[in-house]
């Protein structure tokens, strides 16, 4: 197993991509902290994984909540090796979108990188988006936040490169998750989006989880500051 004896924290892991990552990591031997705002969904994921998972309430827009979640990993499992800053919201008002999608990632990197560097090193994986690479002419807050996540990734990779902490991000394309459900219910919009994806389909959360597994494992031991694009070819145009 590729993550045997590792401890991971995954924010926003009650559903969608975060949920898929949590289960994938557990299957590969990791113990997982389910850091989730919604208690019901978070506990359901932790219960589904079993003894190798623990739920921790976490609003990633709160520095205190992020620090508490990081502490739980050490208190409950005795250490921390992997941090996945996944929690996010779709476009809302500017302040909410930025506080969750960008500030939340910053807190995870700021406190997480220092914690990893102070022990046995590790891997931080930030979830950006294809909208962290291109614009769409709308959703200003979301696009700004996701571009910012890529910038944070590069900055922390440089700052901690010699302290045994790798920092990378994943830029997913259109993925079938609860967040994209409203879009997928709009037939005309779906056909338009699919027409822009060379592979001709939405991605699955599990396909992003596999990319996260690669970045979490020693298979990516010489990668840091990188953006791993998993978008069915959307940004190849």
C-alpha atoms as a PDB file:
ATOM      1  CA  UNK A   1       0.000   0.000   0.000  1.00  0.00           C
ATOM      2  CA  UNK A   2       1.349   3.378  -1.044  1.00  0.00           C
ATOM      3  CA  UNK A   3       0.370   5.330   2.086  1.00  0.00           C
ATOM      4  CA  UNK A   4       0.962   2.723   4.755  1.00  0.00           C
ATOM      5  CA  UNK A   5       1.779   4.252   8.163  1.00  0.00           C
ATOM      6  CA  UNK A   6       0.908   7.738   6.888  1.00  0.00           C
ATOM      7  CA  UNK A   7      -1.557  10.157   8.470  1.00  0.00           C
ATOM      8  CA  UNK A   8      -3.567  12.472   6.235  1.00  0.00           C
ATOM      9  CA  UNK A   9      -5.912  15.377   6.840  1.00  0.00           C
ATOM     10  CA  UNK A  10      -8.466  16.141   4.126  1.00  0.00           C
ATOM     11  CA  UNK A  11     -10.606  19.263   4.398  1.00  0.00           C
ATOM     12  CA  UNK A  12     -14.069  19.309   2.868  1.00  0.00           C
ATOM     13  CA  UNK A  13     -14.095  15.520   2.833  1.00  0.00           C
ATOM     14  CA  UNK A  14     -17.785  15.003   3.537  1.00  0.00           C
ATOM     15  CA  UNK A  15     -18.699  14.825  -0.138  1.00  0.00           C
ATOM     16  CA  UNK A  16     -17.454  15.072  -3.710  1.00  0.00           C
ATOM     17  CA  UNK A  17     -13.744  15.146  -4.427  1.00  0.00           C
ATOM     18  CA  UNK A  18     -12.736  15.341  -0.755  1.00  0.00           C
ATOM     19  CA  UNK A  19     -14.776  12.253   0.084  1.00  0.00           C
ATOM     20  CA  UNK A  20     -13.207  10.316  -2.795  1.00  0.00           C
ATOM     21  CA  UNK A  21      -9.722  11.342  -1.661  1.00  0.00           C
ATOM     22  CA  UNK A  22     -10.381  10.291   1.932  1.00  0.00           C
ATOM     23  CA  UNK A  23     -11.560   6.821   0.899  1.00  0.00           C
ATOM     24  CA  UNK A  24      -8.712   6.418  -1.609  1.00  0.00           C
ATOM     25  CA  UNK A  25      -6.095   7.327   0.988  1.00  0.00           C
ATOM     26  CA  UNK A  26      -7.632   4.926   3.515  1.00  0.00           C
ATOM     27  CA  UNK A  27      -7.610   2.101   0.960  1.00  0.00           C
ATOM     28  CA  UNK A  28      -3.912   2.768   0.443  1.00  0.00           C
ATOM     29  CA  UNK A  29      -3.166   2.428   4.150  1.00  0.00           C
ATOM     30  CA  UNK A  30      -3.446   5.976   5.510  1.00  0.00           C
ATOM     31  CA  UNK A  31      -5.191   7.087   8.665  1.00  0.00           C
ATOM     32  CA  UNK A  32      -7.424  10.033   7.781  1.00  0.00           C
ATOM     33  CA  UNK A  33      -8.787  13.077   9.595  1.00  0.00           C
ATOM     34  CA  UNK A  34     -12.119  14.015   8.011  1.00  0.00           C
ATOM     35  CA  UNK A  35     -12.060  17.791   8.473  1.00  0.00           C
ATOM     36  CA  UNK A  36     -15.539  18.859   7.415  1.00  0.00           C
ATOM     37  CA  UNK A  37     -17.936  21.703   8.176  1.00  0.00           C
ATOM     38  CA  UNK A  38     -21.101  19.587   7.835  1.00  0.00           C
ATOM     39  CA  UNK A  39     -21.136  17.221  10.799  1.00  0.00           C
ATOM     40  CA  UNK A  40     -23.612  14.685   9.382  1.00  0.00           C
ATOM     41  CA  UNK A  41     -21.741  14.086   6.126  1.00  0.00           C
ATOM     42  CA  UNK A  42     -18.337  14.220   7.817  1.00  0.00           C
ATOM     43  CA  UNK A  43     -19.238  11.612  10.414  1.00  0.00           C
ATOM     44  CA  UNK A  44     -20.807   9.428   7.726  1.00  0.00           C
ATOM     45  CA  UNK A  45     -17.531   9.368   5.787  1.00  0.00           C
ATOM     46  CA  UNK A  46     -15.509   8.662   8.924  1.00  0.00           C
ATOM     47  CA  UNK A  47     -17.866   5.836   9.897  1.00  0.00           C
ATOM     48  CA  UNK A  48     -17.684   4.441   6.368  1.00  0.00           C
ATOM     49  CA  UNK A  49     -13.898   4.270   6.537  1.00  0.00           C
ATOM     50  CA  UNK A  50     -13.838   2.827  10.053  1.00  0.00           C
ATOM     51  CA  UNK A  51     -11.183   2.885  12.759  1.00  0.00           C
ATOM     52  CA  UNK A  52      -8.578   4.477  10.524  1.00  0.00           C
ATOM     53  CA  UNK A  53     -10.621   7.707  10.271  1.00  0.00           C
ATOM     54  CA  UNK A  54     -11.799  10.376  12.705  1.00  0.00           C
ATOM     55  CA  UNK A  55     -14.177  13.280  12.128  1.00  0.00           C
ATOM     56  CA  UNK A  56     -13.256  16.825  13.123  1.00  0.00           C
ATOM     57  CA  UNK A  57     -15.538  19.822  12.632  1.00  0.00           C
ATOM     58  CA  UNK A  58     -13.673  22.381  10.538  1.00  0.00           C
ATOM     59  CA  UNK A  59     -14.669  25.683   8.990  1.00  0.00           C
ATOM     60  CA  UNK A  60     -11.591  26.376   6.889  1.00  0.00           C
ATOM     61  CA  UNK A  61     -12.279  30.122   6.849  1.00  0.00           C
ATOM     62  CA  UNK A  62     -11.367  30.037  10.558  1.00  0.00           C
ATOM     63  CA  UNK A  63      -7.681  29.935  11.477  1.00  0.00           C
ATOM     64  CA  UNK A  64      -8.580  28.388  14.816  1.00  0.00           C
ATOM     65  CA  UNK A  65     -10.586  25.572  13.218  1.00  0.00           C
ATOM     66  CA  UNK A  66      -7.766  24.716  10.824  1.00  0.00           C
ATOM     67  CA  UNK A  67      -5.213  24.663  13.643  1.00  0.00           C
ATOM     68  CA  UNK A  68      -7.526  22.472  15.741  1.00  0.00           C
ATOM     69  CA  UNK A  69      -7.945  19.992  12.889  1.00  0.00           C
ATOM     70  CA  UNK A  70      -4.199  19.751  12.405  1.00  0.00           C
ATOM     71  CA  UNK A  71      -3.765  19.141  16.133  1.00  0.00           C
ATOM     72  CA  UNK A  72      -6.317  16.305  16.060  1.00  0.00           C
ATOM     73  CA  UNK A  73      -4.162  14.388  13.575  1.00  0.00           C
ATOM     74  CA  UNK A  74      -1.298  14.313  16.052  1.00  0.00           C
ATOM     75  CA  UNK A  75      -3.471  13.740  19.115  1.00  0.00           C
ATOM     76  CA  UNK A  76      -5.517  10.919  17.602  1.00  0.00           C
ATOM     77  CA  UNK A  77      -3.038   9.272  15.241  1.00  0.00           C
ATOM     78  CA  UNK A  78       0.336  10.393  16.555  1.00  0.00           C
ATOM     79  CA  UNK A  79       1.539  12.411  13.610  1.00  0.00           C
ATOM     80  CA  UNK A  80       0.790  14.039  10.269  1.00  0.00           C
ATOM     81  CA  UNK A  81       2.244  13.419   6.815  1.00  0.00           C
ATOM     82  CA  UNK A  82      -0.265  14.641   4.229  1.00  0.00           C
ATOM     83  CA  UNK A  83      -2.552  17.675   4.084  1.00  0.00           C
ATOM     84  CA  UNK A  84      -5.178  18.075   1.385  1.00  0.00           C
ATOM     85  CA  UNK A  85      -6.644  21.580   1.305  1.00  0.00           C
ATOM     86  CA  UNK A  86      -9.788  20.683  -0.611  1.00  0.00           C
ATOM     87  CA  UNK A  87     -12.686  22.522   1.077  1.00  0.00           C
ATOM     88  CA  UNK A  88     -14.353  25.065  -1.162  1.00  0.00           C
ATOM     89  CA  UNK A  89     -17.583  26.704  -2.213  1.00  0.00           C
ATOM     90  CA  UNK A  90     -19.011  27.633  -5.586  1.00  0.00           C
ATOM     91  CA  UNK A  91     -19.324  31.316  -6.456  1.00  0.00           C
ATOM     92  CA  UNK A  92     -20.988  33.234  -3.617  1.00  0.00           C
ATOM     93  CA  UNK A  93     -20.419  36.800  -2.443  1.00  0.00           C
ATOM     94  CA  UNK A  94     -16.810  37.957  -2.761  1.00  0.00           C
ATOM     95  CA  UNK A  95     -15.882  37.778   0.929  1.00  0.00           C
ATOM     96  CA  UNK A  96     -17.271  34.274   1.454  1.00  0.00           C
ATOM     97  CA  UNK A  97     -15.730  32.906  -1.735  1.00  0.00           C
ATOM     98  CA  UNK A  98     -12.299  34.311  -0.938  1.00  0.00           C
ATOM     99  CA  UNK A  99     -12.375  33.374   2.757  1.00  0.00           C
ATOM    100  CA  UNK A 100     -13.150  29.708   2.069  1.00  0.00           C
ATOM    101  CA  UNK A 101     -11.482  29.070  -1.282  1.00  0.00           C
ATOM    102  CA  UNK A 102      -8.309  31.071  -0.740  1.00  0.00           C
ATOM    103  CA  UNK A 103      -7.842  31.998   2.921  1.00  0.00           C
ATOM    104  CA  UNK A 104      -8.744  28.444   3.966  1.00  0.00           C
ATOM    105  CA  UNK A 105      -6.002  27.060   1.742  1.00  0.00           C
ATOM    106  CA  UNK A 106      -3.579  29.664   3.083  1.00  0.00           C
ATOM    107  CA  UNK A 107      -4.262  28.614   6.688  1.00  0.00           C
ATOM    108  CA  UNK A 108      -3.770  24.964   5.771  1.00  0.00           C
ATOM    109  CA  UNK A 109      -0.434  25.779   4.163  1.00  0.00           C
ATOM    110  CA  UNK A 110       0.725  28.274   6.789  1.00  0.00           C
ATOM    111  CA  UNK A 111       0.125  26.080   9.816  1.00  0.00           C
ATOM    112  CA  UNK A 112       0.383  22.729   8.050  1.00  0.00           C
ATOM    113  CA  UNK A 113       3.731  23.292   6.350  1.00  0.00           C
ATOM    114  CA  UNK A 114       5.342  24.374   9.589  1.00  0.00           C
ATOM    115  CA  UNK A 115       3.920  21.373  11.417  1.00  0.00           C
ATOM    116  CA  UNK A 116       5.172  18.946   8.739  1.00  0.00           C
ATOM    117  CA  UNK A 117       8.596  20.595   8.593  1.00  0.00           C
ATOM    118  CA  UNK A 118       8.903  20.347  12.347  1.00  0.00           C
ATOM    119  CA  UNK A 119       8.409  16.585  12.362  1.00  0.00           C
ATOM    120  CA  UNK A 120       9.046  14.164   9.493  1.00  0.00           C
ATOM    121  CA  UNK A 121       8.185  16.280   6.454  1.00  0.00           C
ATOM    122  CA  UNK A 122       5.372  15.452   4.086  1.00  0.00           C
ATOM    123  CA  UNK A 123       3.135  16.506   1.231  1.00  0.00           C
ATOM    124  CA  UNK A 124       0.595  19.312   0.939  1.00  0.00           C
ATOM    125  CA  UNK A 125      -1.944  19.106  -1.878  1.00  0.00           C
ATOM    126  CA  UNK A 126      -4.078  22.129  -2.682  1.00  0.00           C
ATOM    127  CA  UNK A 127      -7.211  21.875  -4.804  1.00  0.00           C
ATOM    128  CA  UNK A 128      -7.294  24.636  -7.385  1.00  0.00           C
ATOM    129  CA  UNK A 129      -9.304  24.368 -10.621  1.00  0.00           C
ATOM    130  CA  UNK A 130      -9.102  24.873 -14.352  1.00  0.00           C
ATOM    131  CA  UNK A 131     -10.449  28.293 -13.375  1.00  0.00           C
ATOM    132  CA  UNK A 132      -7.156  28.757 -11.571  1.00  0.00           C
ATOM    133  CA  UNK A 133      -5.514  28.741 -15.006  1.00  0.00           C
ATOM    134  CA  UNK A 134      -8.065  30.418 -17.290  1.00  0.00           C
ATOM    135  CA  UNK A 135     -10.919  32.894 -16.967  1.00  0.00           C
ATOM    136  CA  UNK A 136     -14.570  32.496 -17.948  1.00  0.00           C
ATOM    137  CA  UNK A 137     -15.745  36.104 -17.973  1.00  0.00           C
ATOM    138  CA  UNK A 138     -17.805  35.563 -14.811  1.00  0.00           C
ATOM    139  CA  UNK A 139     -17.499  34.167 -11.258  1.00  0.00           C
ATOM    140  CA  UNK A 140     -14.871  36.755 -10.360  1.00  0.00           C
ATOM    141  CA  UNK A 141     -14.347  35.616  -6.772  1.00  0.00           C
ATOM    142  CA  UNK A 142     -14.021  31.948  -7.655  1.00  0.00           C
ATOM    143  CA  UNK A 143     -11.569  32.602 -10.485  1.00  0.00           C
ATOM    144  CA  UNK A 144      -9.486  34.958  -8.339  1.00  0.00           C
ATOM    145  CA  UNK A 145      -9.400  32.511  -5.439  1.00  0.00           C
ATOM    146  CA  UNK A 146      -8.399  29.538  -7.567  1.00  0.00           C
ATOM    147  CA  UNK A 147      -5.653  31.518  -9.304  1.00  0.00           C
ATOM    148  CA  UNK A 148      -4.504  32.512  -5.831  1.00  0.00           C
ATOM    149  CA  UNK A 149      -4.324  28.872  -4.751  1.00  0.00           C
ATOM    150  CA  UNK A 150      -1.811  28.187  -7.522  1.00  0.00           C
ATOM    151  CA  UNK A 151       0.227  31.197  -6.391  1.00  0.00           C
ATOM    152  CA  UNK A 152       0.209  30.021  -2.783  1.00  0.00           C
ATOM    153  CA  UNK A 153       1.276  26.568  -3.920  1.00  0.00           C
ATOM    154  CA  UNK A 154       4.352  27.923  -5.680  1.00  0.00           C
ATOM    155  CA  UNK A 155       5.268  30.251  -2.817  1.00  0.00           C
ATOM    156  CA  UNK A 156       5.067  27.577  -0.113  1.00  0.00           C
ATOM    157  CA  UNK A 157       6.913  25.091  -2.341  1.00  0.00           C
ATOM    158  CA  UNK A 158       9.833  27.509  -2.529  1.00  0.00           C
ATOM    159  CA  UNK A 159       9.737  28.363   1.168  1.00  0.00           C
ATOM    160  CA  UNK A 160       9.697  24.743   2.347  1.00  0.00           C
ATOM    161  CA  UNK A 161      11.563  22.956  -0.444  1.00  0.00           C
ATOM    162  CA  UNK A 162      14.633  22.339   1.719  1.00  0.00           C
ATOM    163  CA  UNK A 163      12.597  21.350   4.769  1.00  0.00           C
ATOM    164  CA  UNK A 164      11.254  18.103   3.318  1.00  0.00           C
ATOM    165  CA  UNK A 165       7.786  19.506   2.588  1.00  0.00           C
ATOM    166  CA  UNK A 166       6.417  19.238  -0.938  1.00  0.00           C
ATOM    167  CA  UNK A 167       3.537  21.525  -1.971  1.00  0.00           C
ATOM    168  CA  UNK A 168       1.581  20.905  -5.169  1.00  0.00           C
ATOM    169  CA  UNK A 169      -1.886  21.611  -6.468  1.00  0.00           C
ATOM    170  CA  UNK A 170      -4.446  19.794  -8.582  1.00  0.00           C
ATOM    171  CA  UNK A 171      -6.476  21.686 -11.166  1.00  0.00           C
ATOM    172  CA  UNK A 172      -9.611  19.627 -11.835  1.00  0.00           C
ATOM    173  CA  UNK A 173     -11.869  20.259 -14.779  1.00  0.00           C
ATOM    174  CA  UNK A 174     -15.622  19.689 -14.773  1.00  0.00           C
ATOM    175  CA  UNK A 175     -16.217  16.903 -12.255  1.00  0.00           C
ATOM    176  CA  UNK A 176     -19.491  15.181 -11.300  1.00  0.00           C
ATOM    177  CA  UNK A 177     -19.892  16.397  -7.712  1.00  0.00           C
ATOM    178  CA  UNK A 178     -22.675  17.978  -5.647  1.00  0.00           C
ATOM    179  CA  UNK A 179     -21.075  21.357  -6.390  1.00  0.00           C
ATOM    180  CA  UNK A 180     -21.637  20.958 -10.135  1.00  0.00           C
ATOM    181  CA  UNK A 181     -25.093  19.364  -9.837  1.00  0.00           C
ATOM    182  CA  UNK A 182     -26.956  22.579 -10.614  1.00  0.00           C
ATOM    183  CA  UNK A 183     -24.927  23.026 -13.795  1.00  0.00           C
ATOM    184  CA  UNK A 184     -25.442  19.413 -14.810  1.00  0.00           C
ATOM    185  CA  UNK A 185     -29.200  19.857 -14.425  1.00  0.00           C
ATOM    186  CA  UNK A 186     -29.152  22.532 -17.129  1.00  0.00           C
ATOM    187  CA  UNK A 187     -29.235  20.568 -20.369  1.00  0.00           C
ATOM    188  CA  UNK A 188     -28.126  23.367 -22.663  1.00  0.00           C
ATOM    189  CA  UNK A 189     -25.203  24.328 -20.424  1.00  0.00           C
ATOM    190  CA  UNK A 190     -24.036  20.714 -20.069  1.00  0.00           C
ATOM    191  CA  UNK A 191     -23.859  20.139 -23.818  1.00  0.00           C
ATOM    192  CA  UNK A 192     -21.953  23.393 -24.227  1.00  0.00           C
ATOM    193  CA  UNK A 193     -19.427  22.451 -21.528  1.00  0.00           C
ATOM    194  CA  UNK A 194     -18.963  18.918 -22.799  1.00  0.00           C
ATOM    195  CA  UNK A 195     -18.348  20.339 -26.240  1.00  0.00           C
ATOM    196  CA  UNK A 196     -15.324  22.167 -24.852  1.00  0.00           C
ATOM    197  CA  UNK A 197     -13.818  19.005 -23.325  1.00  0.00           C
ATOM    198  CA  UNK A 198     -11.820  16.928 -25.852  1.00  0.00           C
ATOM    199  CA  UNK A 199     -12.605  13.712 -23.953  1.00  0.00           C
ATOM    200  CA  UNK A 200     -16.300  14.552 -24.217  1.00  0.00           C
ATOM    201  CA  UNK A 201     -17.429  13.917 -20.653  1.00  0.00           C
ATOM    202  CA  UNK A 202     -17.389  15.129 -17.063  1.00  0.00           C
ATOM    203  CA  UNK A 203     -14.713  13.647 -14.828  1.00  0.00           C
ATOM    204  CA  UNK A 204     -15.372  11.508 -11.768  1.00  0.00           C
ATOM    205  CA  UNK A 205     -14.229  12.336  -8.214  1.00  0.00           C
ATOM    206  CA  UNK A 206     -12.239   9.106  -8.146  1.00  0.00           C
ATOM    207  CA  UNK A 207     -10.122  10.359 -11.050  1.00  0.00           C
ATOM    208  CA  UNK A 208      -9.071  13.356  -8.971  1.00  0.00           C
ATOM    209  CA  UNK A 209      -8.480  11.106  -5.964  1.00  0.00           C
ATOM    210  CA  UNK A 210      -5.989   9.060  -7.998  1.00  0.00           C
ATOM    211  CA  UNK A 211      -4.082  12.244  -8.834  1.00  0.00           C
ATOM    212  CA  UNK A 212      -4.054  13.185  -5.154  1.00  0.00           C
ATOM    213  CA  UNK A 213      -2.738   9.736  -4.270  1.00  0.00           C
ATOM    214  CA  UNK A 214       0.147  10.231  -6.686  1.00  0.00           C
ATOM    215  CA  UNK A 215       1.060  13.587  -5.131  1.00  0.00           C
ATOM    216  CA  UNK A 216       0.714  12.205  -1.602  1.00  0.00           C
ATOM    217  CA  UNK A 217       2.919   9.195  -2.254  1.00  0.00           C
ATOM    218  CA  UNK A 218       6.648   8.819  -2.807  1.00  0.00           C
ATOM    219  CA  UNK A 219       5.921   8.335  -6.523  1.00  0.00           C
ATOM    220  CA  UNK A 220       6.024  12.143  -6.811  1.00  0.00           C
ATOM    221  CA  UNK A 221       9.092  12.600  -4.593  1.00  0.00           C
ATOM    222  CA  UNK A 222      10.748  15.149  -6.933  1.00  0.00           C
ATOM    223  CA  UNK A 223       7.619  17.226  -7.555  1.00  0.00           C
ATOM    224  CA  UNK A 224       6.903  20.478  -5.754  1.00  0.00           C
ATOM    225  CA  UNK A 225       5.337  23.766  -6.841  1.00  0.00           C
ATOM    226  CA  UNK A 226       3.531  21.992  -9.665  1.00  0.00           C
ATOM    227  CA  UNK A 227      -0.024  22.210 -10.948  1.00  0.00           C
ATOM    228  CA  UNK A 228      -1.363  18.805 -11.972  1.00  0.00           C
ATOM    229  CA  UNK A 229      -4.161  19.434 -14.465  1.00  0.00           C
ATOM    230  CA  UNK A 230      -6.870  16.760 -14.625  1.00  0.00           C
ATOM    231  CA  UNK A 231      -9.459  18.216 -16.991  1.00  0.00           C
ATOM    232  CA  UNK A 232     -10.114  15.879 -19.917  1.00  0.00           C
ATOM    233  CA  UNK A 233      -8.139  18.236 -22.144  1.00  0.00           C
ATOM    234  CA  UNK A 234     -10.205  21.389 -21.481  1.00  0.00           C
ATOM    235  CA  UNK A 235      -7.160  23.662 -21.086  1.00  0.00           C
ATOM    236  CA  UNK A 236      -5.384  22.126 -24.097  1.00  0.00           C
ATOM    237  CA  UNK A 237      -7.457  24.334 -26.395  1.00  0.00           C
END
